[in-house]
Amino acid sequence: MNLMLHSVSSPRIEKRDSVSKDYCEEGKYNLILANPPFKGTLNKENISDRLKGITNTAKSELLFVGLFIEMLKLGGKGISAYKEDYGGY
């Protein structure tokens, strides 16, 4: 619906697992706006070694923080929604 409201008629939409070993978008973006999944744990064997180097966890919310760091260009900015009772790490 949002794409139609903004007259985006041919969006490039790809279905991929962004924390898997097959995904690499390193240093590509100046700005990332995201609402990642808050709960969940992944099989560590399927997680990208690059992400394990940033945050060695299987918790999805922390993996996405690592993914944003990897995807941003030097000086880029990332904004992400997180649940209210996050508690921090």
N, C-alpha and C. Protein backbone atom coordinates (compact mmCIF):
# COMPACT_ATOMS: atom_id res chain seq x y z
N MET A 1 0.83 -1.18 0.00
CA MET A 1 0.00 0.00 0.00
C MET A 1 0.88 1.26 0.00
N ASN A 2 1.90 1.28 0.85
CA ASN A 2 2.77 2.44 0.94
C ASN A 2 3.47 2.72 -0.39
N LEU A 3 3.88 1.66 -1.08
CA LEU A 3 4.53 1.83 -2.38
C LEU A 3 3.57 2.48 -3.38
N MET A 4 2.31 2.07 -3.37
CA MET A 4 1.33 2.65 -4.28
C MET A 4 1.08 4.12 -3.94
N LEU A 5 1.01 4.45 -2.67
CA LEU A 5 0.77 5.83 -2.27
C LEU A 5 1.90 6.76 -2.69
N HIS A 6 3.10 6.19 -2.82
CA HIS A 6 4.25 6.99 -3.23
C HIS A 6 4.63 6.77 -4.70
N SER A 7 3.70 6.21 -5.46
CA SER A 7 3.85 6.00 -6.91
C SER A 7 5.08 5.16 -7.29
N VAL A 8 5.41 4.19 -6.47
CA VAL A 8 6.49 3.26 -6.82
C VAL A 8 5.83 2.10 -7.55
N SER A 9 5.99 2.09 -8.87
CA SER A 9 5.28 1.10 -9.67
C SER A 9 6.09 -0.17 -9.91
N SER A 10 7.41 -0.10 -9.85
CA SER A 10 8.24 -1.28 -10.10
C SER A 10 9.31 -1.40 -9.01
N PRO A 11 8.92 -1.74 -7.79
CA PRO A 11 9.92 -1.85 -6.72
C PRO A 11 10.80 -3.08 -6.92
N ARG A 12 12.03 -3.00 -6.44
CA ARG A 12 12.93 -4.15 -6.48
C ARG A 12 12.83 -4.83 -5.11
N ILE A 13 12.08 -5.91 -5.07
CA ILE A 13 11.87 -6.63 -3.83
C ILE A 13 12.48 -8.02 -3.97
N GLU A 14 13.35 -8.36 -3.04
CA GLU A 14 14.00 -9.65 -3.05
C GLU A 14 13.78 -10.34 -1.72
N LYS A 15 13.50 -11.62 -1.76
CA LYS A 15 13.33 -12.39 -0.53
C LYS A 15 14.64 -13.12 -0.26
N ARG A 16 15.34 -12.68 0.81
CA ARG A 16 16.61 -13.31 1.18
C ARG A 16 16.74 -13.33 2.70
N ASP A 17 17.57 -14.22 3.19
CA ASP A 17 17.87 -14.28 4.62
C ASP A 17 19.08 -13.38 4.87
N SER A 18 18.85 -12.23 5.45
CA SER A 18 19.90 -11.21 5.56
C SER A 18 20.98 -11.53 6.59
N VAL A 19 20.79 -12.54 7.43
CA VAL A 19 21.85 -12.90 8.37
C VAL A 19 22.55 -14.20 7.98
N SER A 20 22.21 -14.74 6.82
CA SER A 20 22.81 -16.01 6.40
C SER A 20 24.18 -15.79 5.76
N LYS A 21 24.88 -16.89 5.54
CA LYS A 21 26.21 -16.84 4.94
C LYS A 21 26.18 -16.37 3.48
N ASP A 22 25.04 -16.49 2.83
CA ASP A 22 24.93 -16.14 1.41
C ASP A 22 24.66 -14.66 1.16
N TYR A 23 24.47 -13.89 2.19
CA TYR A 23 24.07 -12.49 2.05
C TYR A 23 25.25 -11.56 2.33
N CYS A 24 25.50 -10.61 1.43
CA CYS A 24 26.57 -9.64 1.66
C CYS A 24 26.21 -8.31 1.00
N GLU A 25 26.04 -7.30 1.82
CA GLU A 25 25.73 -5.94 1.36
C GLU A 25 26.67 -4.98 2.09
N GLU A 26 27.91 -5.35 2.23
CA GLU A 26 28.86 -4.62 3.06
C GLU A 26 29.15 -3.21 2.54
N GLY A 27 29.04 -2.21 3.44
CA GLY A 27 29.38 -0.84 3.12
C GLY A 27 28.62 -0.24 1.95
N LYS A 28 27.36 -0.55 1.83
CA LYS A 28 26.59 -0.15 0.65
C LYS A 28 25.66 1.03 0.88
N TYR A 29 25.26 1.28 2.13
CA TYR A 29 24.19 2.24 2.38
C TYR A 29 24.64 3.41 3.26
N ASN A 30 24.06 4.59 3.00
CA ASN A 30 24.29 5.77 3.83
C ASN A 30 23.30 5.85 4.98
N LEU A 31 22.12 5.25 4.80
CA LEU A 31 21.06 5.33 5.79
C LEU A 31 20.27 4.02 5.81
N ILE A 32 20.03 3.52 7.01
CA ILE A 32 19.20 2.32 7.16
C ILE A 32 18.10 2.64 8.17
N LEU A 33 16.86 2.42 7.78
CA LEU A 33 15.70 2.53 8.66
C LEU A 33 15.11 1.13 8.76
N ALA A 34 14.93 0.62 9.99
CA ALA A 34 14.51 -0.77 10.10
C ALA A 34 13.63 -1.02 11.30
N ASN A 35 12.88 -2.09 11.19
CA ASN A 35 12.08 -2.61 12.28
C ASN A 35 12.32 -4.12 12.29
N PRO A 36 13.46 -4.55 12.87
CA PRO A 36 13.84 -5.96 12.81
C PRO A 36 12.99 -6.82 13.74
N PRO A 37 13.05 -8.14 13.55
CA PRO A 37 12.34 -9.04 14.47
C PRO A 37 12.95 -8.94 15.87
N PHE A 38 12.12 -8.96 16.89
CA PHE A 38 12.60 -8.79 18.25
C PHE A 38 12.86 -10.09 18.97
N LYS A 39 12.21 -11.12 18.58
CA LYS A 39 12.39 -12.39 19.28
C LYS A 39 12.86 -13.43 18.29
N GLY A 40 13.63 -14.31 18.79
CA GLY A 40 14.04 -15.41 17.96
C GLY A 40 15.52 -15.68 18.10
N THR A 41 15.82 -16.91 17.89
CA THR A 41 17.21 -17.33 17.88
C THR A 41 17.41 -18.16 16.64
N LEU A 42 18.57 -18.03 16.07
CA LEU A 42 18.86 -18.74 14.83
C LEU A 42 19.90 -19.82 15.08
N ASN A 43 19.95 -20.76 14.19
CA ASN A 43 20.98 -21.78 14.24
C ASN A 43 22.32 -21.11 13.92
N LYS A 44 23.27 -21.17 14.84
CA LYS A 44 24.56 -20.48 14.67
C LYS A 44 25.31 -20.94 13.42
N GLU A 45 25.07 -22.16 12.98
CA GLU A 45 25.76 -22.67 11.79
C GLU A 45 25.34 -21.94 10.52
N ASN A 46 24.14 -21.37 10.51
CA ASN A 46 23.64 -20.67 9.32
C ASN A 46 23.98 -19.19 9.31
N ILE A 47 24.51 -18.66 10.41
CA ILE A 47 24.79 -17.22 10.52
C ILE A 47 26.11 -16.90 9.84
N SER A 48 26.13 -15.79 9.15
CA SER A 48 27.32 -15.32 8.45
C SER A 48 28.50 -15.17 9.40
N ASP A 49 29.67 -15.64 8.99
CA ASP A 49 30.88 -15.49 9.80
C ASP A 49 31.23 -14.02 10.00
N ARG A 50 30.91 -13.19 9.01
CA ARG A 50 31.16 -11.75 9.14
C ARG A 50 30.35 -11.18 10.31
N LEU A 51 29.09 -11.60 10.42
CA LEU A 51 28.26 -11.12 11.53
C LEU A 51 28.73 -11.67 12.87
N LYS A 52 29.18 -12.92 12.89
CA LYS A 52 29.70 -13.49 14.12
C LYS A 52 30.91 -12.70 14.61
N GLY A 53 31.67 -12.12 13.68
CA GLY A 53 32.81 -11.30 14.05
C GLY A 53 32.40 -9.99 14.70
N ILE A 54 31.21 -9.50 14.39
CA ILE A 54 30.70 -8.25 14.97
C ILE A 54 29.99 -8.54 16.28
N THR A 55 29.11 -9.52 16.28
CA THR A 55 28.36 -9.89 17.48
C THR A 55 28.16 -11.40 17.48
N ASN A 56 28.86 -12.09 18.34
CA ASN A 56 28.84 -13.54 18.37
C ASN A 56 27.65 -14.04 19.19
N THR A 57 26.48 -13.99 18.57
CA THR A 57 25.24 -14.39 19.23
C THR A 57 24.31 -15.00 18.21
N ALA A 58 23.27 -15.65 18.69
CA ALA A 58 22.23 -16.17 17.80
C ALA A 58 20.93 -15.41 18.01
N LYS A 59 20.94 -14.38 18.86
CA LYS A 59 19.73 -13.58 19.11
C LYS A 59 19.49 -12.64 17.93
N SER A 60 18.30 -12.73 17.37
CA SER A 60 18.01 -11.99 16.14
C SER A 60 18.15 -10.48 16.29
N GLU A 61 17.71 -9.90 17.43
CA GLU A 61 17.77 -8.45 17.57
C GLU A 61 19.21 -7.93 17.57
N LEU A 62 20.14 -8.69 18.14
CA LEU A 62 21.55 -8.28 18.14
C LEU A 62 22.21 -8.54 16.80
N LEU A 63 21.81 -9.61 16.13
CA LEU A 63 22.35 -9.88 14.80
C LEU A 63 22.00 -8.75 13.83
N PHE A 64 20.81 -8.20 13.97
CA PHE A 64 20.43 -7.11 13.08
C PHE A 64 21.21 -5.84 13.35
N VAL A 65 21.57 -5.59 14.60
CA VAL A 65 22.45 -4.44 14.90
C VAL A 65 23.79 -4.65 14.19
N GLY A 66 24.34 -5.85 14.28
CA GLY A 66 25.58 -6.17 13.58
C GLY A 66 25.44 -6.03 12.08
N LEU A 67 24.30 -6.46 11.55
CA LEU A 67 24.04 -6.35 10.11
C LEU A 67 24.02 -4.90 9.68
N PHE A 68 23.39 -4.03 10.47
CA PHE A 68 23.35 -2.60 10.13
C PHE A 68 24.76 -2.02 10.10
N ILE A 69 25.57 -2.38 11.08
CA ILE A 69 26.95 -1.89 11.13
C ILE A 69 27.69 -2.33 9.88
N GLU A 70 27.50 -3.56 9.47
CA GLU A 70 28.15 -4.09 8.28
C GLU A 70 27.66 -3.39 7.00
N MET A 71 26.38 -3.13 6.91
CA MET A 71 25.79 -2.60 5.68
C MET A 71 26.04 -1.11 5.47
N LEU A 72 26.30 -0.38 6.55
CA LEU A 72 26.47 1.07 6.43
C LEU A 72 27.84 1.45 5.89
N LYS A 73 27.84 2.47 5.07
CA LYS A 73 29.10 3.08 4.63
C LYS A 73 29.72 3.81 5.82
N LEU A 74 31.00 4.08 5.77
CA LEU A 74 31.67 4.83 6.82
C LEU A 74 30.97 6.18 6.98
N GLY A 75 30.54 6.51 8.18
CA GLY A 75 29.81 7.75 8.44
C GLY A 75 28.32 7.63 8.23
N GLY A 76 27.83 6.43 7.84
CA GLY A 76 26.40 6.23 7.62
C GLY A 76 25.64 6.21 8.93
N LYS A 77 24.32 6.31 8.82
CA LYS A 77 23.46 6.35 10.01
C LYS A 77 22.42 5.24 9.94
N GLY A 78 22.16 4.63 11.09
CA GLY A 78 21.16 3.59 11.18
C GLY A 78 20.15 3.92 12.25
N ILE A 79 18.89 3.74 11.94
CA ILE A 79 17.81 3.98 12.89
C ILE A 79 16.96 2.72 12.93
N SER A 80 16.71 2.23 14.14
CA SER A 80 15.96 0.99 14.27
C SER A 80 14.96 1.09 15.40
N ALA A 81 13.80 0.51 15.19
CA ALA A 81 12.80 0.41 16.25
C ALA A 81 13.16 -0.77 17.13
N TYR A 82 13.00 -0.61 18.42
CA TYR A 82 13.21 -1.71 19.34
C TYR A 82 12.09 -1.73 20.36
N LYS A 83 11.83 -2.89 20.88
CA LYS A 83 10.73 -3.01 21.83
C LYS A 83 11.01 -2.21 23.09
N GLU A 84 9.96 -1.75 23.72
CA GLU A 84 10.06 -0.85 24.88
C GLU A 84 10.80 -1.50 26.04
N ASP A 85 10.58 -2.76 26.30
CA ASP A 85 11.21 -3.42 27.44
C ASP A 85 12.52 -4.11 27.07
N TYR A 86 13.25 -3.51 26.13
CA TYR A 86 14.47 -4.11 25.60
C TYR A 86 15.47 -4.46 26.69
N GLY A 87 15.71 -3.57 27.65
CA GLY A 87 16.58 -3.88 28.77
C GLY A 87 18.06 -3.71 28.48
N GLY A 88 18.45 -3.68 27.24
CA GLY A 88 19.85 -3.46 26.88
C GLY A 88 20.72 -4.68 27.09
N TYR A 89 21.92 -4.59 26.57
CA TYR A 89 22.90 -5.67 26.69
C TYR A 89 24.24 -5.07 27.01
